[in-house]
Amino acid sequence: MPIIQITLLEGREPETVEQCIRDVANTVHKSLGAPLSTIRVYVNEVPSNYYAVGNKLKSEL
């Protein structure tokens, strides 16, 4: 059972995230041959002030 975790900064439209989930599931299905019913895709949205590159928060950039 493939489990795919995606971490994104908050701010995208729900429809965009949902389409990403579908696209990733379909890609894993095609590339690994895993049945769609066994594929799990999890999206974790993170606030920009909880994500940093080095010591700079994304909310500061």
PDB file of N, CA and C in Angstrom:
ATOM      1  N   MET A   1       0.839  -1.172   0.000  1.00  0.00           N
ATOM      2  CA  MET A   1       0.000   0.000   0.000  1.00  0.00           C
ATOM      3  C   MET A   1       0.891   1.244   0.000  1.00  0.00           C
ATOM      4  N   PRO A   2       0.980   1.947  -1.118  1.00  0.00           N
ATOM      5  CA  PRO A   2       1.756   3.188  -1.155  1.00  0.00           C
ATOM      6  C   PRO A   2       1.067   4.275  -0.326  1.00  0.00           C
ATOM      7  N   ILE A   3       1.876   4.970   0.472  1.00  0.00           N
ATOM      8  CA  ILE A   3       1.396   6.111   1.239  1.00  0.00           C
ATOM      9  C   ILE A   3       2.245   7.307   0.834  1.00  0.00           C
ATOM     10  N   ILE A   4       1.596   8.339   0.314  1.00  0.00           N
ATOM     11  CA  ILE A   4       2.296   9.518  -0.168  1.00  0.00           C
ATOM     12  C   ILE A   4       1.900  10.694   0.703  1.00  0.00           C
ATOM     13  N   GLN A   5       2.897  11.374   1.243  1.00  0.00           N
ATOM     14  CA  GLN A   5       2.639  12.557   2.057  1.00  0.00           C
ATOM     15  C   GLN A   5       3.175  13.777   1.330  1.00  0.00           C
ATOM     16  N   ILE A   6       2.342  14.801   1.213  1.00  0.00           N
ATOM     17  CA  ILE A   6       2.710  16.049   0.564  1.00  0.00           C
ATOM     18  C   ILE A   6       2.568  17.156   1.596  1.00  0.00           C
ATOM     19  N   THR A   7       3.595  17.967   1.740  1.00  0.00           N
ATOM     20  CA  THR A   7       3.528  19.116   2.629  1.00  0.00           C
ATOM     21  C   THR A   7       3.558  20.376   1.783  1.00  0.00           C
ATOM     22  N   LEU A   8       2.557  21.222   1.982  1.00  0.00           N
ATOM     23  CA  LEU A   8       2.414  22.468   1.221  1.00  0.00           C
ATOM     24  C   LEU A   8       2.226  23.634   2.173  1.00  0.00           C
ATOM     25  N   LEU A   9       2.648  24.799   1.726  1.00  0.00           N
ATOM     26  CA  LEU A   9       2.280  26.000   2.459  1.00  0.00           C
ATOM     27  C   LEU A   9       0.807  26.290   2.203  1.00  0.00           C
ATOM     28  N   GLU A  10       0.122  26.766   3.220  1.00  0.00           N
ATOM     29  CA  GLU A  10      -1.297  27.103   3.075  1.00  0.00           C
ATOM     30  C   GLU A  10      -1.482  28.187   2.025  1.00  0.00           C
ATOM     31  N   GLY A  11      -2.698  28.228   1.479  1.00  0.00           N
ATOM     32  CA  GLY A  11      -3.035  29.331   0.585  1.00  0.00           C
ATOM     33  C   GLY A  11      -3.554  28.916  -0.775  1.00  0.00           C
ATOM     34  N   ARG A  12      -3.487  27.644  -1.101  1.00  0.00           N
ATOM     35  CA  ARG A  12      -4.006  27.198  -2.392  1.00  0.00           C
ATOM     36  C   ARG A  12      -5.496  26.927  -2.291  1.00  0.00           C
ATOM     37  N   GLU A  13      -6.169  27.040  -3.404  1.00  0.00           N
ATOM     38  CA  GLU A  13      -7.600  26.738  -3.457  1.00  0.00           C
ATOM     39  C   GLU A  13      -7.813  25.252  -3.174  1.00  0.00           C
ATOM     40  N   PRO A  14      -8.862  24.904  -2.436  1.00  0.00           N
ATOM     41  CA  PRO A  14      -9.130  23.486  -2.155  1.00  0.00           C
ATOM     42  C   PRO A  14      -9.209  22.635  -3.419  1.00  0.00           C
ATOM     43  N   GLU A  15      -9.785  23.178  -4.474  1.00  0.00           N
ATOM     44  CA  GLU A  15      -9.910  22.423  -5.723  1.00  0.00           C
ATOM     45  C   GLU A  15      -8.541  22.095  -6.310  1.00  0.00           C
ATOM     46  N   THR A  16      -7.592  22.995  -6.154  1.00  0.00           N
ATOM     47  CA  THR A  16      -6.230  22.768  -6.658  1.00  0.00           C
ATOM     48  C   THR A  16      -5.560  21.644  -5.895  1.00  0.00           C
ATOM     49  N   VAL A  17      -5.700  21.641  -4.565  1.00  0.00           N
ATOM     50  CA  VAL A  17      -5.111  20.590  -3.740  1.00  0.00           C
ATOM     51  C   VAL A  17      -5.773  19.245  -4.043  1.00  0.00           C
ATOM     52  N   GLU A  18      -7.085  19.259  -4.194  1.00  0.00           N
ATOM     53  CA  GLU A  18      -7.809  18.016  -4.506  1.00  0.00           C
ATOM     54  C   GLU A  18      -7.363  17.435  -5.841  1.00  0.00           C
ATOM     55  N   GLN A  19      -7.154  18.298  -6.845  1.00  0.00           N
ATOM     56  CA  GLN A  19      -6.696  17.809  -8.150  1.00  0.00           C
ATOM     57  C   GLN A  19      -5.287  17.254  -8.039  1.00  0.00           C
ATOM     58  N   CYS A  20      -4.448  17.879  -7.244  1.00  0.00           N
ATOM     59  CA  CYS A  20      -3.090  17.367  -7.013  1.00  0.00           C
ATOM     60  C   CYS A  20      -3.154  15.968  -6.424  1.00  0.00           C
ATOM     61  N   ILE A  21      -4.016  15.765  -5.436  1.00  0.00           N
ATOM     62  CA  ILE A  21      -4.167  14.450  -4.809  1.00  0.00           C
ATOM     63  C   ILE A  21      -4.553  13.409  -5.854  1.00  0.00           C
ATOM     64  N   ARG A  22      -5.529  13.743  -6.678  1.00  0.00           N
ATOM     65  CA  ARG A  22      -5.965  12.801  -7.735  1.00  0.00           C
ATOM     66  C   ARG A  22      -4.826  12.497  -8.711  1.00  0.00           C
ATOM     67  N   ASP A  23      -4.124  13.559  -9.130  1.00  0.00           N
ATOM     68  CA  ASP A  23      -3.029  13.378 -10.090  1.00  0.00           C
ATOM     69  C   ASP A  23      -1.914  12.511  -9.516  1.00  0.00           C
ATOM     70  N   VAL A  24      -1.567  12.744  -8.252  1.00  0.00           N
ATOM     71  CA  VAL A  24      -0.514  11.948  -7.615  1.00  0.00           C
ATOM     72  C   VAL A  24      -0.947  10.492  -7.510  1.00  0.00           C
ATOM     73  N   ALA A  25      -2.177  10.255  -7.075  1.00  0.00           N
ATOM     74  CA  ALA A  25      -2.678   8.881  -6.965  1.00  0.00           C
ATOM     75  C   ALA A  25      -2.641   8.182  -8.320  1.00  0.00           C
ATOM     76  N   ASN A  26      -3.075   8.874  -9.363  1.00  0.00           N
ATOM     77  CA  ASN A  26      -3.069   8.280 -10.698  1.00  0.00           C
ATOM     78  C   ASN A  26      -1.647   8.006 -11.189  1.00  0.00           C
ATOM     79  N   THR A  27      -0.721   8.903 -10.888  1.00  0.00           N
ATOM     80  CA  THR A  27       0.670   8.701 -11.291  1.00  0.00           C
ATOM     81  C   THR A  27       1.286   7.497 -10.588  1.00  0.00           C
ATOM     82  N   VAL A  28       1.028   7.366  -9.289  1.00  0.00           N
ATOM     83  CA  VAL A  28       1.544   6.209  -8.547  1.00  0.00           C
ATOM     84  C   VAL A  28       0.917   4.923  -9.084  1.00  0.00           C
ATOM     85  N   HIS A  29      -0.356   4.972  -9.374  1.00  0.00           N
ATOM     86  CA  HIS A  29      -1.049   3.813  -9.953  1.00  0.00           C
ATOM     87  C   HIS A  29      -0.386   3.389 -11.264  1.00  0.00           C
ATOM     88  N   LYS A  30      -0.136   4.354 -12.129  1.00  0.00           N
ATOM     89  CA  LYS A  30       0.454   4.043 -13.436  1.00  0.00           C
ATOM     90  C   LYS A  30       1.909   3.607 -13.325  1.00  0.00           C
ATOM     91  N   SER A  31       2.687   4.272 -12.479  1.00  0.00           N
ATOM     92  CA  SER A  31       4.122   3.981 -12.440  1.00  0.00           C
ATOM     93  C   SER A  31       4.458   2.733 -11.622  1.00  0.00           C
ATOM     94  N   LEU A  32       3.690   2.456 -10.566  1.00  0.00           N
ATOM     95  CA  LEU A  32       3.973   1.292  -9.724  1.00  0.00           C
ATOM     96  C   LEU A  32       3.039   0.117  -9.983  1.00  0.00           C
ATOM     97  N   GLY A  33       1.943   0.395 -10.664  1.00  0.00           N
ATOM     98  CA  GLY A  33       0.965  -0.656 -10.886  1.00  0.00           C
ATOM     99  C   GLY A  33       0.130  -0.965  -9.660  1.00  0.00           C
ATOM    100  N   ALA A  34       0.162  -0.099  -8.676  1.00  0.00           N
ATOM    101  CA  ALA A  34      -0.621  -0.312  -7.457  1.00  0.00           C
ATOM    102  C   ALA A  34      -2.092  -0.017  -7.733  1.00  0.00           C
ATOM    103  N   PRO A  35      -2.993  -0.852  -7.237  1.00  0.00           N
ATOM    104  CA  PRO A  35      -4.410  -0.561  -7.404  1.00  0.00           C
ATOM    105  C   PRO A  35      -4.762   0.772  -6.717  1.00  0.00           C
ATOM    106  N   LEU A  36      -5.598   1.566  -7.361  1.00  0.00           N
ATOM    107  CA  LEU A  36      -5.990   2.852  -6.793  1.00  0.00           C
ATOM    108  C   LEU A  36      -6.564   2.699  -5.382  1.00  0.00           C
ATOM    109  N   SER A  37      -7.266   1.608  -5.143  1.00  0.00           N
ATOM    110  CA  SER A  37      -7.893   1.411  -3.832  1.00  0.00           C
ATOM    111  C   SER A  37      -6.880   1.204  -2.708  1.00  0.00           C
ATOM    112  N   THR A  38      -5.612   0.988  -3.062  1.00  0.00           N
ATOM    113  CA  THR A  38      -4.586   0.776  -2.033  1.00  0.00           C
ATOM    114  C   THR A  38      -3.704   2.004  -1.823  1.00  0.00           C
ATOM    115  N   ILE A  39      -3.897   3.037  -2.627  1.00  0.00           N
ATOM    116  CA  ILE A  39      -3.034   4.221  -2.578  1.00  0.00           C
ATOM    117  C   ILE A  39      -3.615   5.244  -1.612  1.00  0.00           C
ATOM    118  N   ARG A  40      -2.766   5.735  -0.724  1.00  0.00           N
ATOM    119  CA  ARG A  40      -3.165   6.769   0.230  1.00  0.00           C
ATOM    120  C   ARG A  40      -2.344   8.013  -0.047  1.00  0.00           C
ATOM    121  N   VAL A  41      -3.020   9.151  -0.165  1.00  0.00           N
ATOM    122  CA  VAL A  41      -2.342  10.437  -0.357  1.00  0.00           C
ATOM    123  C   VAL A  41      -2.786  11.358   0.767  1.00  0.00           C
ATOM    124  N   TYR A  42      -1.819  11.922   1.449  1.00  0.00           N
ATOM    125  CA  TYR A  42      -2.076  12.780   2.597  1.00  0.00           C
ATOM    126  C   TYR A  42      -1.435  14.136   2.344  1.00  0.00           C
ATOM    127  N   VAL A  43      -2.227  15.206   2.478  1.00  0.00           N
ATOM    128  CA  VAL A  43      -1.710  16.557   2.306  1.00  0.00           C
ATOM    129  C   VAL A  43      -1.728  17.262   3.656  1.00  0.00           C
ATOM    130  N   ASN A  44      -0.580  17.790   4.021  1.00  0.00           N
ATOM    131  CA  ASN A  44      -0.436  18.554   5.250  1.00  0.00           C
ATOM    132  C   ASN A  44      -0.160  19.998   4.847  1.00  0.00           C
ATOM    133  N   GLU A  45      -1.085  20.905   5.173  1.00  0.00           N
ATOM    134  CA  GLU A  45      -0.881  22.316   4.860  1.00  0.00           C
ATOM    135  C   GLU A  45      -0.305  23.023   6.088  1.00  0.00           C
ATOM    136  N   VAL A  46       0.762  23.768   5.848  1.00  0.00           N
ATOM    137  CA  VAL A  46       1.501  24.410   6.918  1.00  0.00           C
ATOM    138  C   VAL A  46       1.389  25.927   6.774  1.00  0.00           C
ATOM    139  N   PRO A  47       1.095  26.643   7.857  1.00  0.00           N
ATOM    140  CA  PRO A  47       1.101  28.109   7.791  1.00  0.00           C
ATOM    141  C   PRO A  47       2.510  28.615   7.455  1.00  0.00           C
ATOM    142  N   SER A  48       2.580  29.705   6.713  1.00  0.00           N
ATOM    143  CA  SER A  48       3.891  30.208   6.269  1.00  0.00           C
ATOM    144  C   SER A  48       4.776  30.648   7.427  1.00  0.00           C
ATOM    145  N   ASN A  49       4.196  30.966   8.587  1.00  0.00           N
ATOM    146  CA  ASN A  49       5.028  31.332   9.734  1.00  0.00           C
ATOM    147  C   ASN A  49       5.495  30.100  10.517  1.00  0.00           C
ATOM    148  N   TYR A  50       5.160  28.901  10.049  1.00  0.00           N
ATOM    149  CA  TYR A  50       5.638  27.651  10.658  1.00  0.00           C
ATOM    150  C   TYR A  50       6.631  26.941   9.748  1.00  0.00           C
ATOM    151  N   TYR A  51       7.123  27.635   8.719  1.00  0.00           N
ATOM    152  CA  TYR A  51       8.038  27.032   7.747  1.00  0.00           C
ATOM    153  C   TYR A  51       9.181  28.017   7.512  1.00  0.00           C
ATOM    154  N   ALA A  52      10.399  27.514   7.552  1.00  0.00           N
ATOM    155  CA  ALA A  52      11.551  28.385   7.359  1.00  0.00           C
ATOM    156  C   ALA A  52      12.523  27.784   6.363  1.00  0.00           C
ATOM    157  N   VAL A  53      13.222  28.674   5.690  1.00  0.00           N
ATOM    158  CA  VAL A  53      14.370  28.309   4.869  1.00  0.00           C
ATOM    159  C   VAL A  53      15.558  28.950   5.572  1.00  0.00           C
ATOM    160  N   GLY A  54      16.415  28.114   6.129  1.00  0.00           N
ATOM    161  CA  GLY A  54      17.464  28.645   7.002  1.00  0.00           C
ATOM    162  C   GLY A  54      16.795  29.264   8.219  1.00  0.00           C
ATOM    163  N   ASN A  55      17.110  30.503   8.490  1.00  0.00           N
ATOM    164  CA  ASN A  55      16.471  31.166   9.630  1.00  0.00           C
ATOM    165  C   ASN A  55      15.432  32.182   9.207  1.00  0.00           C
ATOM    166  N   LYS A  56      15.008  32.142   7.958  1.00  0.00           N
ATOM    167  CA  LYS A  56      14.003  33.063   7.430  1.00  0.00           C
ATOM    168  C   LYS A  56      12.666  32.340   7.289  1.00  0.00           C
ATOM    169  N   LEU A  57      11.664  32.831   8.007  1.00  0.00           N
ATOM    170  CA  LEU A  57      10.327  32.279   7.855  1.00  0.00           C
ATOM    171  C   LEU A  57       9.789  32.634   6.475  1.00  0.00           C
ATOM    172  N   LYS A  58       9.008  31.706   5.902  1.00  0.00           N
ATOM    173  CA  LYS A  58       8.398  31.983   4.593  1.00  0.00           C
ATOM    174  C   LYS A  58       7.493  33.210   4.674  1.00  0.00           C
ATOM    175  N   SER A  59       6.894  33.447   5.835  1.00  0.00           N
ATOM    176  CA  SER A  59       6.018  34.603   6.004  1.00  0.00           C
ATOM    177  C   SER A  59       6.807  35.916   5.933  1.00  0.00           C
ATOM    178  N   GLU A  60       8.126  35.857   6.102  1.00  0.00           N
ATOM    179  CA  GLU A  60       8.968  37.054   6.027  1.00  0.00           C
ATOM    180  C   GLU A  60       9.481  37.308   4.611  1.00  0.00           C
ATOM    181  N   LEU A  61       9.406  36.317   3.768  1.00  0.00           N
ATOM    182  CA  LEU A  61       9.964  36.459   2.413  1.00  0.00           C
ATOM    183  C   LEU A  61       8.986  37.088   1.448  1.00  0.00           C
TER     184      LEU A  61
END
